[in-house]
PDB file of N, CA and C in Angstrom:
ATOM      1  N   MET A   1     261.945 -73.029  63.819  1.00  0.00           N
ATOM      2  CA  MET A   1     261.714 -72.349  62.577  1.00  0.00           C
ATOM      3  C   MET A   1     262.880 -71.419  62.262  1.00  0.00           C
ATOM      4  N   ILE A   2     263.310 -70.635  63.235  1.00  0.00           N
ATOM      5  CA  ILE A   2     264.408 -69.711  63.001  1.00  0.00           C
ATOM      6  C   ILE A   2     265.693 -70.474  62.742  1.00  0.00           C
ATOM      7  N   LYS A   3     265.910 -71.560  63.506  1.00  0.00           N
ATOM      8  CA  LYS A   3     267.130 -72.349  63.306  1.00  0.00           C
ATOM      9  C   LYS A   3     267.126 -73.014  61.942  1.00  0.00           C
ATOM     10  N   GLU A   4     265.950 -73.429  61.464  1.00  0.00           N
ATOM     11  CA  GLU A   4     265.859 -74.030  60.136  1.00  0.00           C
ATOM     12  C   GLU A   4     266.247 -73.027  59.069  1.00  0.00           C
ATOM     13  N   LYS A   5     265.738 -71.815  59.184  1.00  0.00           N
ATOM     14  CA  LYS A   5     266.073 -70.775  58.215  1.00  0.00           C
ATOM     15  C   LYS A   5     267.546 -70.404  58.300  1.00  0.00           C
ATOM     16  N   ARG A   6     268.059 -70.367  59.514  1.00  0.00           N
ATOM     17  CA  ARG A   6     269.452 -69.993  59.704  1.00  0.00           C
ATOM     18  C   ARG A   6     270.391 -71.037  59.117  1.00  0.00           C
ATOM     19  N   SER A   7     269.969 -72.312  59.150  1.00  0.00           N
ATOM     20  CA  SER A   7     270.833 -73.376  58.656  1.00  0.00           C
ATOM     21  C   SER A   7     270.836 -73.472  57.131  1.00  0.00           C
ATOM     22  N   LEU A   8     269.909 -72.801  56.463  1.00  0.00           N
ATOM     23  CA  LEU A   8     269.889 -72.820  54.998  1.00  0.00           C
ATOM     24  C   LEU A   8     271.062 -72.025  54.442  1.00  0.00           C
ATOM     25  N   ARG A   9     271.460 -72.399  53.244  1.00  0.00           N
ATOM     26  CA  ARG A   9     272.527 -71.653  52.577  1.00  0.00           C
ATOM     27  C   ARG A   9     272.005 -70.263  52.213  1.00  0.00           C
ATOM     28  N   PRO A  10     272.879 -69.298  52.141  1.00  0.00           N
ATOM     29  CA  PRO A  10     272.445 -67.936  51.784  1.00  0.00           C
ATOM     30  C   PRO A  10     271.755 -67.872  50.415  1.00  0.00           C
ATOM     31  N   GLU A  11     272.208 -68.692  49.482  1.00  0.00           N
ATOM     32  CA  GLU A  11     271.595 -68.689  48.148  1.00  0.00           C
ATOM     33  C   GLU A  11     270.144 -69.160  48.224  1.00  0.00           C
ATOM     34  N   ALA A  12     269.915 -70.182  49.051  1.00  0.00           N
ATOM     35  CA  ALA A  12     268.568 -70.717  49.196  1.00  0.00           C
ATOM     36  C   ALA A  12     267.659 -69.693  49.872  1.00  0.00           C
ATOM     37  N   ARG A  13     268.181 -69.017  50.890  1.00  0.00           N
ATOM     38  CA  ARG A  13     267.384 -67.984  51.562  1.00  0.00           C
ATOM     39  C   ARG A  13     267.070 -66.834  50.613  1.00  0.00           C
ATOM     40  N   GLN A  14     268.050 -66.443  49.810  1.00  0.00           N
ATOM     41  CA  GLN A  14     267.847 -65.348  48.864  1.00  0.00           C
ATOM     42  C   GLN A  14     266.819 -65.747  47.801  1.00  0.00           C
ATOM     43  N   ALA A  15     266.882 -66.985  47.334  1.00  0.00           N
ATOM     44  CA  ALA A  15     265.926 -67.460  46.336  1.00  0.00           C
ATOM     45  C   ALA A  15     264.515 -67.508  46.923  1.00  0.00           C
ATOM     46  N   ALA A  16     264.391 -67.974  48.149  1.00  0.00           N
ATOM     47  CA  ALA A  16     263.081 -68.032  48.799  1.00  0.00           C
ATOM     48  C   ALA A  16     262.524 -66.632  48.997  1.00  0.00           C
ATOM     49  N   ARG A  17     263.387 -65.717  49.391  1.00  0.00           N
ATOM     50  CA  ARG A  17     262.955 -64.338  49.579  1.00  0.00           C
ATOM     51  C   ARG A  17     262.506 -63.729  48.252  1.00  0.00           C
ATOM     52  N   ALA A  18     263.257 -63.976  47.184  1.00  0.00           N
ATOM     53  CA  ALA A  18     262.898 -63.450  45.862  1.00  0.00           C
ATOM     54  C   ALA A  18     261.562 -64.020  45.392  1.00  0.00           C
ATOM     55  N   ASP A  19     261.338 -65.309  45.640  1.00  0.00           N
ATOM     56  CA  ASP A  19     260.052 -65.920  45.264  1.00  0.00           C
ATOM     57  C   ASP A  19     258.898 -65.292  46.033  1.00  0.00           C
ATOM     58  N   ALA A  20     259.108 -65.044  47.321  1.00  0.00           N
ATOM     59  CA  ALA A  20     258.052 -64.444  48.132  1.00  0.00           C
ATOM     60  C   ALA A  20     257.743 -63.027  47.656  1.00  0.00           C
ATOM     61  N   ILE A  21     258.775 -62.288  47.298  1.00  0.00           N
ATOM     62  CA  ILE A  21     258.571 -60.925  46.799  1.00  0.00           C
ATOM     63  C   ILE A  21     257.835 -60.955  45.475  1.00  0.00           C
ATOM     64  N   LYS A  22     258.233 -61.874  44.590  1.00  0.00           N
ATOM     65  CA  LYS A  22     257.591 -61.978  43.278  1.00  0.00           C
ATOM     66  C   LYS A  22     256.121 -62.349  43.429  1.00  0.00           C
ATOM     67  N   GLU A  23     255.823 -63.270  44.337  1.00  0.00           N
ATOM     68  CA  GLU A  23     254.439 -63.683  44.579  1.00  0.00           C
ATOM     69  C   GLU A  23     253.615 -62.528  45.139  1.00  0.00           C
ATOM     70  N   GLY A  24     254.193 -61.772  46.050  1.00  0.00           N
ATOM     71  CA  GLY A  24     253.506 -60.623  46.624  1.00  0.00           C
ATOM     72  C   GLY A  24     253.209 -59.558  45.575  1.00  0.00           C
ATOM     73  N   LYS A  25     254.166 -59.318  44.693  1.00  0.00           N
ATOM     74  CA  LYS A  25     253.963 -58.329  43.635  1.00  0.00           C
ATOM     75  C   LYS A  25     252.883 -58.782  42.663  1.00  0.00           C
ATOM     76  N   ALA A  26     252.864 -60.070  42.341  1.00  0.00           N
ATOM     77  CA  ALA A  26     251.845 -60.588  41.430  1.00  0.00           C
ATOM     78  C   ALA A  26     250.454 -60.471  42.058  1.00  0.00           C
ATOM     79  N   LYS A  27     250.367 -60.770  43.343  1.00  0.00           N
ATOM     80  CA  LYS A  27     249.085 -60.670  44.045  1.00  0.00           C
ATOM     81  C   LYS A  27     248.607 -59.222  44.088  1.00  0.00           C
ATOM     82  N   LYS A  28     249.527 -58.298  44.334  1.00  0.00           N
ATOM     83  CA  LYS A  28     249.184 -56.884  44.383  1.00  0.00           C
ATOM     84  C   LYS A  28     248.748 -56.387  43.003  1.00  0.00           C
ATOM     85  N   ALA A  29     249.429 -56.834  41.952  1.00  0.00           N
ATOM     86  CA  ALA A  29     249.069 -56.426  40.594  1.00  0.00           C
ATOM     87  C   ALA A  29     247.687 -56.951  40.216  1.00  0.00           C
ATOM     88  N   ALA A  30     247.377 -58.174  40.629  1.00  0.00           N
ATOM     89  CA  ALA A  30     246.061 -58.741  40.334  1.00  0.00           C
ATOM     90  C   ALA A  30     244.966 -57.961  41.056  1.00  0.00           C
ATOM     91  N   ALA A  31     245.218 -57.592  42.289  1.00  0.00           N
ATOM     92  CA  ALA A  31     244.240 -56.811  43.046  1.00  0.00           C
ATOM     93  C   ALA A  31     244.059 -55.436  42.420  1.00  0.00           C
ATOM     94  N   GLU A  32     245.147 -54.842  41.953  1.00  0.00           N
ATOM     95  CA  GLU A  32     245.081 -53.518  41.328  1.00  0.00           C
ATOM     96  C   GLU A  32     244.301 -53.570  40.019  1.00  0.00           C
ATOM     97  N   SER A  33     244.526 -54.623  39.223  1.00  0.00           N
ATOM     98  CA  SER A  33     243.794 -54.737  37.963  1.00  0.00           C
ATOM     99  C   SER A  33     242.307 -54.976  38.213  1.00  0.00           C
ATOM    100  N   LYS A  34     242.001 -55.745  39.250  1.00  0.00           N
ATOM    101  CA  LYS A  34     240.594 -55.974  39.604  1.00  0.00           C
ATOM    102  C   LYS A  34     239.942 -54.668  40.039  1.00  0.00           C
ATOM    103  N   LYS A  35     240.672 -53.877  40.810  1.00  0.00           N
ATOM    104  CA  LYS A  35     240.169 -52.593  41.284  1.00  0.00           C
ATOM    105  C   LYS A  35     239.927 -51.652  40.102  1.00  0.00           C
ATOM    106  N   LYS A  36     240.849 -51.635  39.141  1.00  0.00           N
ATOM    107  CA  LYS A  36     240.685 -50.787  37.964  1.00  0.00           C
ATOM    108  C   LYS A  36     239.491 -51.230  37.133  1.00  0.00           C
ATOM    109  N   ALA A  37     239.268 -52.535  37.033  1.00  0.00           N
ATOM    110  CA  ALA A  37     238.131 -53.044  36.267  1.00  0.00           C
ATOM    111  C   ALA A  37     236.821 -52.631  36.928  1.00  0.00           C
ATOM    112  N   GLU A  38     236.759 -52.721  38.255  1.00  0.00           N
ATOM    113  CA  GLU A  38     235.558 -52.290  38.980  1.00  0.00           C
ATOM    114  C   GLU A  38     235.317 -50.798  38.794  1.00  0.00           C
ATOM    115  N   LYS A  39     236.395 -50.024  38.821  1.00  0.00           N
ATOM    116  CA  LYS A  39     236.267 -48.578  38.665  1.00  0.00           C
ATOM    117  C   LYS A  39     235.773 -48.242  37.257  1.00  0.00           C
ATOM    118  N   ALA A  40     236.294 -48.933  36.249  1.00  0.00           N
ATOM    119  CA  ALA A  40     235.854 -48.699  34.878  1.00  0.00           C
ATOM    120  C   ALA A  40     234.394 -49.095  34.709  1.00  0.00           C
ATOM    121  N   LYS A  41     234.000 -50.179  35.363  1.00  0.00           N
ATOM    122  CA  LYS A  41     232.622 -50.642  35.276  1.00  0.00           C
ATOM    123  C   LYS A  41     231.672 -49.616  35.892  1.00  0.00           C
ATOM    124  N   SER A  42     232.044 -49.081  37.054  1.00  0.00           N
ATOM    125  CA  SER A  42     231.193 -48.094  37.701  1.00  0.00           C
ATOM    126  C   SER A  42     231.169 -46.792  36.915  1.00  0.00           C
ATOM    127  N   ALA A  43     232.275 -46.435  36.279  1.00  0.00           N
ATOM    128  CA  ALA A  43     232.316 -45.222  35.468  1.00  0.00           C
ATOM    129  C   ALA A  43     231.434 -45.379  34.238  1.00  0.00           C
ATOM    130  N   ALA A  44     231.401 -46.565  33.676  1.00  0.00           N
ATOM    131  CA  ALA A  44     230.551 -46.817  32.517  1.00  0.00           C
ATOM    132  C   ALA A  44     229.081 -46.732  32.923  1.00  0.00           C
ATOM    133  N   GLY A  45     228.753 -47.230  34.076  1.00  0.00           N
ATOM    134  CA  GLY A  45     227.368 -47.165  34.566  1.00  0.00           C
ATOM    135  C   GLY A  45     226.953 -45.738  34.837  1.00  0.00           C
ATOM    136  N   ALA A  46     227.859 -44.945  35.377  1.00  0.00           N
ATOM    137  CA  ALA A  46     227.551 -43.545  35.659  1.00  0.00           C
ATOM    138  C   ALA A  46     227.416 -42.764  34.357  1.00  0.00           C
ATOM    139  N   ALA A  47     228.188 -43.161  33.350  1.00  0.00           N
ATOM    140  CA  ALA A  47     228.113 -42.473  32.059  1.00  0.00           C
ATOM    141  C   ALA A  47     226.762 -42.722  31.395  1.00  0.00           C
ATOM    142  N   ARG A  48     226.162 -43.849  31.650  1.00  0.00           N
ATOM    143  CA  ARG A  48     224.853 -44.155  31.070  1.00  0.00           C
ATOM    144  C   ARG A  48     223.738 -43.415  31.797  1.00  0.00           C
ATOM    145  N   GLY A  49     224.069 -42.809  32.909  1.00  0.00           N
ATOM    146  CA  GLY A  49     223.059 -42.072  33.652  1.00  0.00           C
ATOM    147  C   GLY A  49     222.488 -42.849  34.812  1.00  0.00           C
ATOM    148  N   GLN A  50     223.075 -43.978  35.106  1.00  0.00           N
ATOM    149  CA  GLN A  50     222.605 -44.787  36.221  1.00  0.00           C
ATOM    150  C   GLN A  50     223.567 -44.594  37.383  1.00  0.00           C
ATOM    151  N   ALA A  51     223.089 -44.017  38.428  1.00  0.00           N
ATOM    152  CA  ALA A  51     223.928 -43.825  39.598  1.00  0.00           C
ATOM    153  C   ALA A  51     223.986 -45.134  40.377  1.00  0.00           C
ATOM    154  N   LEU A  52     225.189 -45.564  40.685  1.00  0.00           N
ATOM    155  CA  LEU A  52     225.343 -46.816  41.427  1.00  0.00           C
ATOM    156  C   LEU A  52     225.204 -46.586  42.933  1.00  0.00           C
ATOM    157  N   LYS A  53     225.604 -45.413  43.392  1.00  0.00           N
ATOM    158  CA  LYS A  53     225.526 -45.116  44.818  1.00  0.00           C
ATOM    159  C   LYS A  53     224.555 -43.967  45.030  1.00  0.00           C
ATOM    160  N   VAL A  54     223.744 -44.070  46.041  1.00  0.00           N
ATOM    161  CA  VAL A  54     222.809 -43.019  46.396  1.00  0.00           C
ATOM    162  C   VAL A  54     223.382 -42.299  47.603  1.00  0.00           C
ATOM    163  N   PRO A  55     223.475 -40.971  47.550  1.00  0.00           N
ATOM    164  CA  PRO A  55     223.982 -40.247  48.720  1.00  0.00           C
ATOM    165  C   PRO A  55     223.092 -40.504  49.935  1.00  0.00           C
ATOM    166  N   LYS A  56     223.669 -40.388  51.106  1.00  0.00           N
ATOM    167  CA  LYS A  56     222.920 -40.694  52.328  1.00  0.00           C
ATOM    168  C   LYS A  56     221.690 -39.802  52.481  1.00  0.00           C
ATOM    169  N   GLN A  57     221.848 -38.518  52.196  1.00  0.00           N
ATOM    170  CA  GLN A  57     220.702 -37.633  52.357  1.00  0.00           C
ATOM    171  C   GLN A  57     219.656 -37.898  51.281  1.00  0.00           C
ATOM    172  N   GLY A  58     220.106 -38.319  50.095  1.00  0.00           N
ATOM    173  CA  GLY A  58     219.151 -38.675  49.047  1.00  0.00           C
ATOM    174  C   GLY A  58     218.362 -39.901  49.443  1.00  0.00           C
ATOM    175  N   ALA A  59     218.991 -40.820  50.116  1.00  0.00           N
ATOM    176  CA  ALA A  59     218.316 -42.033  50.552  1.00  0.00           C
ATOM    177  C   ALA A  59     217.322 -41.725  51.671  1.00  0.00           C
ATOM    178  N   LYS A  60     217.602 -40.686  52.445  1.00  0.00           N
ATOM    179  CA  LYS A  60     216.711 -40.305  53.534  1.00  0.00           C
ATOM    180  C   LYS A  60     215.498 -39.528  53.047  1.00  0.00           C
ATOM    181  N   GLY A  61     215.524 -39.088  51.796  1.00  0.00           N
ATOM    182  CA  GLY A  61     214.411 -38.351  51.252  1.00  0.00           C
ATOM    183  C   GLY A  61     214.579 -36.852  51.362  1.00  0.00           C
ATOM    184  N   ALA A  62     215.798 -36.374  51.465  1.00  0.00           N
ATOM    185  CA  ALA A  62     216.051 -34.934  51.560  1.00  0.00           C
ATOM    186  C   ALA A  62     215.690 -34.281  50.233  1.00  0.00           C
ATOM    187  N   THR A  63     215.240 -33.066  50.306  1.00  0.00           N
ATOM    188  CA  THR A  63     214.901 -32.337  49.081  1.00  0.00           C
ATOM    189  C   THR A  63     216.168 -31.867  48.400  1.00  0.00           C
ATOM    190  N   LYS A  64     216.089 -31.710  47.103  1.00  0.00           N
ATOM    191  CA  LYS A  64     217.239 -31.263  46.339  1.00  0.00           C
ATOM    192  C   LYS A  64     217.366 -29.739  46.472  1.00  0.00           C
ATOM    193  N   ALA A  65     218.586 -29.259  46.595  1.00  0.00           N
ATOM    194  CA  ALA A  65     218.829 -27.824  46.679  1.00  0.00           C
ATOM    195  C   ALA A  65     218.643 -27.215  45.291  1.00  0.00           C
ATOM    196  N   ARG A  66     218.026 -26.070  45.266  1.00  0.00           N
ATOM    197  CA  ARG A  66     217.802 -25.415  43.963  1.00  0.00           C
ATOM    198  C   ARG A  66     218.651 -24.213  43.805  1.00  0.00           C
TER     199      ARG A  66
END
């Protein structure tokens, strides 16, 4: 594997590296946009008054502090 990469021309190695970087950036951007969409969705749900997550003590039945 290393000898195969070493035998490639520098232009080919640089092009392959650039493609890998571009693919990685696109994948990261897609994950970031998905994360932002989930965050916006949860914020919209919280704005309507529906809590998506219940605190641990609330789930245990703890009384509310007054």
